[in-house]
Amino acid sequence: MTGFKRVAVLLGGRSAEREVSLERAVSSYLFNSQLLARADGSLLFVAPAECRDEASVRALLERLTSGETAIREVLTFDLRQSMQNGGGPACLRLRVALSPEEHAAIGARIWLDDALFVALTAWVERHYRDRLSPTDLADPALLTESRCALDELSRLLGLANIYPFQA
């Protein structure tokens, strides 16, 4: 099953594929949305404003809150400025439920807990400069520092060597 089909199923069945074209889903940033669980067991769908502005996506989201799914509310936010400044997909995320087996199969240390928060905070304090001047960009030491930081972050998160400079 393709990624789009999986999302379509998650968003209310295979009919979602016919309701919203892949082109419209991408242009509306539908895949950058996030499902949030509420205390009562229902779901809140948080989406970029482009989902509200695109008629076919808006119709799909309205259908999803009609009682056919656990989604009870859709909130949209104008994230254009954030996305234009590099926020992109980081502005919102699609939430995907994992089975215990799928969760356990993820070998990387990506689940934020208190220990990882402390470790990441210490990593930022060690490696992030509080200032960066134009002359720093010409300093070869900056490249060395950046590679050292990324290498340490990869190890901290339990990732394989993912950068070309890592051997």
C-alpha atoms as a PDB file:
ATOM      1  CA  MET A   1       0.000   0.000   0.000  1.00  0.00           C
ATOM      2  CA  THR A   2       1.470   3.398  -0.926  1.00  0.00           C
ATOM      3  CA  GLY A   3       1.973   6.132   1.639  1.00  0.00           C
ATOM      4  CA  PHE A   4      -0.866   8.152   0.099  1.00  0.00           C
ATOM      5  CA  LYS A   5      -3.213   5.167   0.305  1.00  0.00           C
ATOM      6  CA  ARG A   6      -2.284   4.619   3.960  1.00  0.00           C
ATOM      7  CA  VAL A   7      -3.029   8.244   4.764  1.00  0.00           C
ATOM      8  CA  ALA A   8      -6.269   8.041   2.771  1.00  0.00           C
ATOM      9  CA  VAL A   9      -7.333   5.015   4.796  1.00  0.00           C
ATOM     10  CA  LEU A  10      -6.404   6.828   8.006  1.00  0.00           C
ATOM     11  CA  LEU A  11      -8.450   9.813   6.843  1.00  0.00           C
ATOM     12  CA  GLY A  12     -11.670   7.962   6.367  1.00  0.00           C
ATOM     13  CA  GLY A  13     -11.282   5.112   3.956  1.00  0.00           C
ATOM     14  CA  ARG A  14     -10.268   4.570   0.371  1.00  0.00           C
ATOM     15  CA  SER A  15     -12.889   7.057  -0.815  1.00  0.00           C
ATOM     16  CA  ALA A  16     -10.539   9.795   0.414  1.00  0.00           C
ATOM     17  CA  GLU A  17      -8.258   8.932  -2.519  1.00  0.00           C
ATOM     18  CA  ARG A  18     -11.073   9.872  -4.900  1.00  0.00           C
ATOM     19  CA  GLU A  19     -12.071  12.964  -2.911  1.00  0.00           C
ATOM     20  CA  VAL A  20      -8.622  14.569  -2.816  1.00  0.00           C
ATOM     21  CA  SER A  21      -6.034  14.142  -5.524  1.00  0.00           C
ATOM     22  CA  LEU A  22      -2.439  13.592  -4.541  1.00  0.00           C
ATOM     23  CA  GLU A  23      -1.612  16.966  -6.122  1.00  0.00           C
ATOM     24  CA  ARG A  24      -4.224  18.739  -3.955  1.00  0.00           C
ATOM     25  CA  ALA A  25      -3.122  16.883  -0.829  1.00  0.00           C
ATOM     26  CA  VAL A  26       0.475  17.974  -1.391  1.00  0.00           C
ATOM     27  CA  SER A  27      -0.329  21.577  -2.343  1.00  0.00           C
ATOM     28  CA  SER A  28      -2.571  21.981   0.728  1.00  0.00           C
ATOM     29  CA  TYR A  29       0.073  20.475   3.040  1.00  0.00           C
ATOM     30  CA  LEU A  30      -2.503  17.902   4.169  1.00  0.00           C
ATOM     31  CA  PHE A  31       0.316  15.471   5.029  1.00  0.00           C
ATOM     32  CA  ASN A  32       1.749  18.020   7.468  1.00  0.00           C
ATOM     33  CA  SER A  33      -1.334  17.751   9.668  1.00  0.00           C
ATOM     34  CA  GLN A  34      -1.467  16.156  13.057  1.00  0.00           C
ATOM     35  CA  LEU A  35      -3.998  13.980  14.862  1.00  0.00           C
ATOM     36  CA  LEU A  36      -4.223  14.570  18.595  1.00  0.00           C
ATOM     37  CA  ALA A  37      -5.988  12.302  21.055  1.00  0.00           C
ATOM     38  CA  ARG A  38      -8.445  13.956  23.415  1.00  0.00           C
ATOM     39  CA  ALA A  39      -9.262  12.857  26.938  1.00  0.00           C
ATOM     40  CA  ASP A  40     -12.638  11.490  25.805  1.00  0.00           C
ATOM     41  CA  GLY A  41     -11.011   9.220  23.207  1.00  0.00           C
ATOM     42  CA  SER A  42     -11.980  11.344  20.231  1.00  0.00           C
ATOM     43  CA  LEU A  43      -9.447  12.932  17.899  1.00  0.00           C
ATOM     44  CA  LEU A  44      -8.606  16.518  17.024  1.00  0.00           C
ATOM     45  CA  PHE A  45      -7.198  17.102  13.520  1.00  0.00           C
ATOM     46  CA  VAL A  46      -4.774  20.047  13.399  1.00  0.00           C
ATOM     47  CA  ALA A  47      -3.940  21.263   9.899  1.00  0.00           C
ATOM     48  CA  PRO A  48      -2.356  24.137   7.999  1.00  0.00           C
ATOM     49  CA  ALA A  49      -4.766  26.842   6.743  1.00  0.00           C
ATOM     50  CA  GLU A  50      -4.179  25.650   3.172  1.00  0.00           C
ATOM     51  CA  CYS A  51      -6.344  22.622   4.019  1.00  0.00           C
ATOM     52  CA  ARG A  52      -9.231  24.967   4.785  1.00  0.00           C
ATOM     53  CA  ASP A  53      -8.539  27.001   1.627  1.00  0.00           C
ATOM     54  CA  GLU A  54      -8.521  23.985  -0.753  1.00  0.00           C
ATOM     55  CA  ALA A  55     -12.161  23.039  -1.457  1.00  0.00           C
ATOM     56  CA  SER A  56     -11.662  19.276  -1.897  1.00  0.00           C
ATOM     57  CA  VAL A  57      -9.541  18.980   1.252  1.00  0.00           C
ATOM     58  CA  ARG A  58     -11.976  21.130   3.230  1.00  0.00           C
ATOM     59  CA  ALA A  59     -14.846  18.869   2.112  1.00  0.00           C
ATOM     60  CA  LEU A  60     -12.902  15.779   3.188  1.00  0.00           C
ATOM     61  CA  LEU A  61     -12.174  17.275   6.612  1.00  0.00           C
ATOM     62  CA  GLU A  62     -15.817  18.269   7.036  1.00  0.00           C
ATOM     63  CA  ARG A  63     -16.849  14.694   6.212  1.00  0.00           C
ATOM     64  CA  LEU A  64     -14.352  13.332   8.722  1.00  0.00           C
ATOM     65  CA  THR A  65     -15.991  15.312  11.526  1.00  0.00           C
ATOM     66  CA  SER A  66     -19.508  14.216  10.549  1.00  0.00           C
ATOM     67  CA  GLY A  67     -19.422  11.194  12.840  1.00  0.00           C
ATOM     68  CA  GLU A  68     -17.994   8.571  10.475  1.00  0.00           C
ATOM     69  CA  THR A  69     -14.624   8.668  12.232  1.00  0.00           C
ATOM     70  CA  ALA A  70     -13.253   9.399  15.690  1.00  0.00           C
ATOM     71  CA  ILE A  71     -12.249  12.885  14.503  1.00  0.00           C
ATOM     72  CA  ARG A  72     -14.574  15.357  16.192  1.00  0.00           C
ATOM     73  CA  GLU A  73     -12.942  18.687  15.339  1.00  0.00           C
ATOM     74  CA  VAL A  74     -10.591  20.225  12.799  1.00  0.00           C
ATOM     75  CA  LEU A  75      -8.491  23.251  13.705  1.00  0.00           C
ATOM     76  CA  THR A  76      -6.503  25.059  11.046  1.00  0.00           C
ATOM     77  CA  PHE A  77      -3.651  27.476  11.589  1.00  0.00           C
ATOM     78  CA  ASP A  78      -2.007  29.977   9.269  1.00  0.00           C
ATOM     79  CA  LEU A  79       1.575  28.748   9.159  1.00  0.00           C
ATOM     80  CA  ARG A  80       2.585  30.457   5.925  1.00  0.00           C
ATOM     81  CA  GLN A  81       5.179  32.717   7.547  1.00  0.00           C
ATOM     82  CA  SER A  82       6.714  29.832   9.457  1.00  0.00           C
ATOM     83  CA  MET A  83       6.760  27.652   6.360  1.00  0.00           C
ATOM     84  CA  GLN A  84       8.288  30.433   4.241  1.00  0.00           C
ATOM     85  CA  ASN A  85      11.034  30.806   6.840  1.00  0.00           C
ATOM     86  CA  GLY A  86      12.029  27.167   6.625  1.00  0.00           C
ATOM     87  CA  GLY A  87       9.554  25.632   9.077  1.00  0.00           C
ATOM     88  CA  GLY A  88       8.003  23.529   6.349  1.00  0.00           C
ATOM     89  CA  PRO A  89       6.737  20.173   7.503  1.00  0.00           C
ATOM     90  CA  ALA A  90       8.104  20.789  10.991  1.00  0.00           C
ATOM     91  CA  CYS A  91       5.179  23.146  11.614  1.00  0.00           C
ATOM     92  CA  LEU A  92       2.790  20.233  12.096  1.00  0.00           C
ATOM     93  CA  ARG A  93       3.163  16.484  11.976  1.00  0.00           C
ATOM     94  CA  LEU A  94       0.873  13.646  11.057  1.00  0.00           C
ATOM     95  CA  ARG A  95       0.478  11.307  13.996  1.00  0.00           C
ATOM     96  CA  VAL A  96       0.735   7.617  13.175  1.00  0.00           C
ATOM     97  CA  ALA A  97      -0.252   4.999  15.719  1.00  0.00           C
ATOM     98  CA  LEU A  98       2.249   2.144  16.060  1.00  0.00           C
ATOM     99  CA  SER A  99       1.658  -1.319  17.376  1.00  0.00           C
ATOM    100  CA  PRO A 100       3.920  -2.372  20.267  1.00  0.00           C
ATOM    101  CA  GLU A 101       5.922  -4.470  17.781  1.00  0.00           C
ATOM    102  CA  GLU A 102       6.394  -1.528  15.398  1.00  0.00           C
ATOM    103  CA  HIS A 103       7.365   0.727  18.297  1.00  0.00           C
ATOM    104  CA  ALA A 104       9.924  -1.794  19.522  1.00  0.00           C
ATOM    105  CA  ALA A 105      11.347  -2.255  16.013  1.00  0.00           C
ATOM    106  CA  ILE A 106      12.492   1.370  15.864  1.00  0.00           C
ATOM    107  CA  GLY A 107      16.068   1.111  17.009  1.00  0.00           C
ATOM    108  CA  ALA A 108      16.828   4.809  17.159  1.00  0.00           C
ATOM    109  CA  ARG A 109      16.486   6.758  20.398  1.00  0.00           C
ATOM    110  CA  ILE A 110      13.766   9.074  19.107  1.00  0.00           C
ATOM    111  CA  TRP A 111      11.116   8.848  21.807  1.00  0.00           C
ATOM    112  CA  LEU A 112      11.430  11.986  23.907  1.00  0.00           C
ATOM    113  CA  ASP A 113      11.574  11.243  27.593  1.00  0.00           C
ATOM    114  CA  ASP A 114      13.170  13.072  30.518  1.00  0.00           C
ATOM    115  CA  ALA A 115      16.572  11.457  29.986  1.00  0.00           C
ATOM    116  CA  LEU A 116      16.671  12.255  26.269  1.00  0.00           C
ATOM    117  CA  PHE A 117      15.502  15.802  26.958  1.00  0.00           C
ATOM    118  CA  VAL A 118      18.392  16.293  29.386  1.00  0.00           C
ATOM    119  CA  ALA A 119      20.864  14.755  26.922  1.00  0.00           C
ATOM    120  CA  LEU A 120      19.622  16.893  24.009  1.00  0.00           C
ATOM    121  CA  THR A 121      19.686  20.039  26.131  1.00  0.00           C
ATOM    122  CA  ALA A 122      23.282  19.317  27.136  1.00  0.00           C
ATOM    123  CA  TRP A 123      24.154  18.653  23.474  1.00  0.00           C
ATOM    124  CA  VAL A 124      22.686  22.022  22.439  1.00  0.00           C
ATOM    125  CA  GLU A 125      24.554  23.807  25.229  1.00  0.00           C
ATOM    126  CA  ARG A 126      27.819  22.171  24.117  1.00  0.00           C
ATOM    127  CA  HIS A 127      27.477  22.720  20.405  1.00  0.00           C
ATOM    128  CA  TYR A 128      25.297  25.742  19.629  1.00  0.00           C
ATOM    129  CA  ARG A 129      27.078  29.056  19.397  1.00  0.00           C
ATOM    130  CA  ASP A 130      25.163  31.951  20.903  1.00  0.00           C
ATOM    131  CA  ARG A 131      26.396  34.173  18.066  1.00  0.00           C
ATOM    132  CA  LEU A 132      27.470  33.619  14.485  1.00  0.00           C
ATOM    133  CA  SER A 133      29.148  36.386  12.492  1.00  0.00           C
ATOM    134  CA  PRO A 134      29.838  36.522   8.756  1.00  0.00           C
ATOM    135  CA  THR A 135      33.536  35.917   9.416  1.00  0.00           C
ATOM    136  CA  ASP A 136      32.669  32.700  11.277  1.00  0.00           C
ATOM    137  CA  LEU A 137      31.249  31.332   8.031  1.00  0.00           C
ATOM    138  CA  ALA A 138      34.724  31.547   6.465  1.00  0.00           C
ATOM    139  CA  ASP A 139      36.392  29.805   9.417  1.00  0.00           C
ATOM    140  CA  PRO A 140      37.164  26.126   8.672  1.00  0.00           C
ATOM    141  CA  ALA A 141      36.750  25.453  12.388  1.00  0.00           C
ATOM    142  CA  LEU A 142      32.996  26.014  12.015  1.00  0.00           C
ATOM    143  CA  LEU A 143      32.766  23.079   9.604  1.00  0.00           C
ATOM    144  CA  THR A 144      34.767  20.909  12.002  1.00  0.00           C
ATOM    145  CA  GLU A 145      32.557  21.967  14.940  1.00  0.00           C
ATOM    146  CA  SER A 146      29.386  21.293  12.936  1.00  0.00           C
ATOM    147  CA  ARG A 147      30.533  17.848  11.863  1.00  0.00           C
ATOM    148  CA  CYS A 148      31.548  17.000  15.431  1.00  0.00           C
ATOM    149  CA  ALA A 149      28.127  18.122  16.689  1.00  0.00           C
ATOM    150  CA  LEU A 150      26.231  16.126  14.039  1.00  0.00           C
ATOM    151  CA  ASP A 151      28.354  13.050  14.670  1.00  0.00           C
ATOM    152  CA  GLU A 152      27.683  13.281  18.405  1.00  0.00           C
ATOM    153  CA  LEU A 153      23.963  13.830  17.777  1.00  0.00           C
ATOM    154  CA  SER A 154      23.815  10.746  15.557  1.00  0.00           C
ATOM    155  CA  ARG A 155      25.378   8.669  18.336  1.00  0.00           C
ATOM    156  CA  LEU A 156      23.138  10.251  20.986  1.00  0.00           C
ATOM    157  CA  LEU A 157      20.040   9.296  18.989  1.00  0.00           C
ATOM    158  CA  GLY A 158      21.310   5.824  18.165  1.00  0.00           C
ATOM    159  CA  LEU A 159      21.390   6.498  14.440  1.00  0.00           C
ATOM    160  CA  ALA A 160      23.717   4.869  11.960  1.00  0.00           C
ATOM    161  CA  ASN A 161      26.277   7.018  10.165  1.00  0.00           C
ATOM    162  CA  ILE A 162      23.935   9.155   8.083  1.00  0.00           C
ATOM    163  CA  TYR A 163      26.282  11.896   6.874  1.00  0.00           C
ATOM    164  CA  PRO A 164      28.913  11.471   4.166  1.00  0.00           C
ATOM    165  CA  PHE A 165      31.673  12.651   6.516  1.00  0.00           C
ATOM    166  CA  GLN A 166      30.926   9.870   9.006  1.00  0.00           C
ATOM    167  CA  ALA A 167      33.056   6.791   8.370  1.00  0.00           C
END
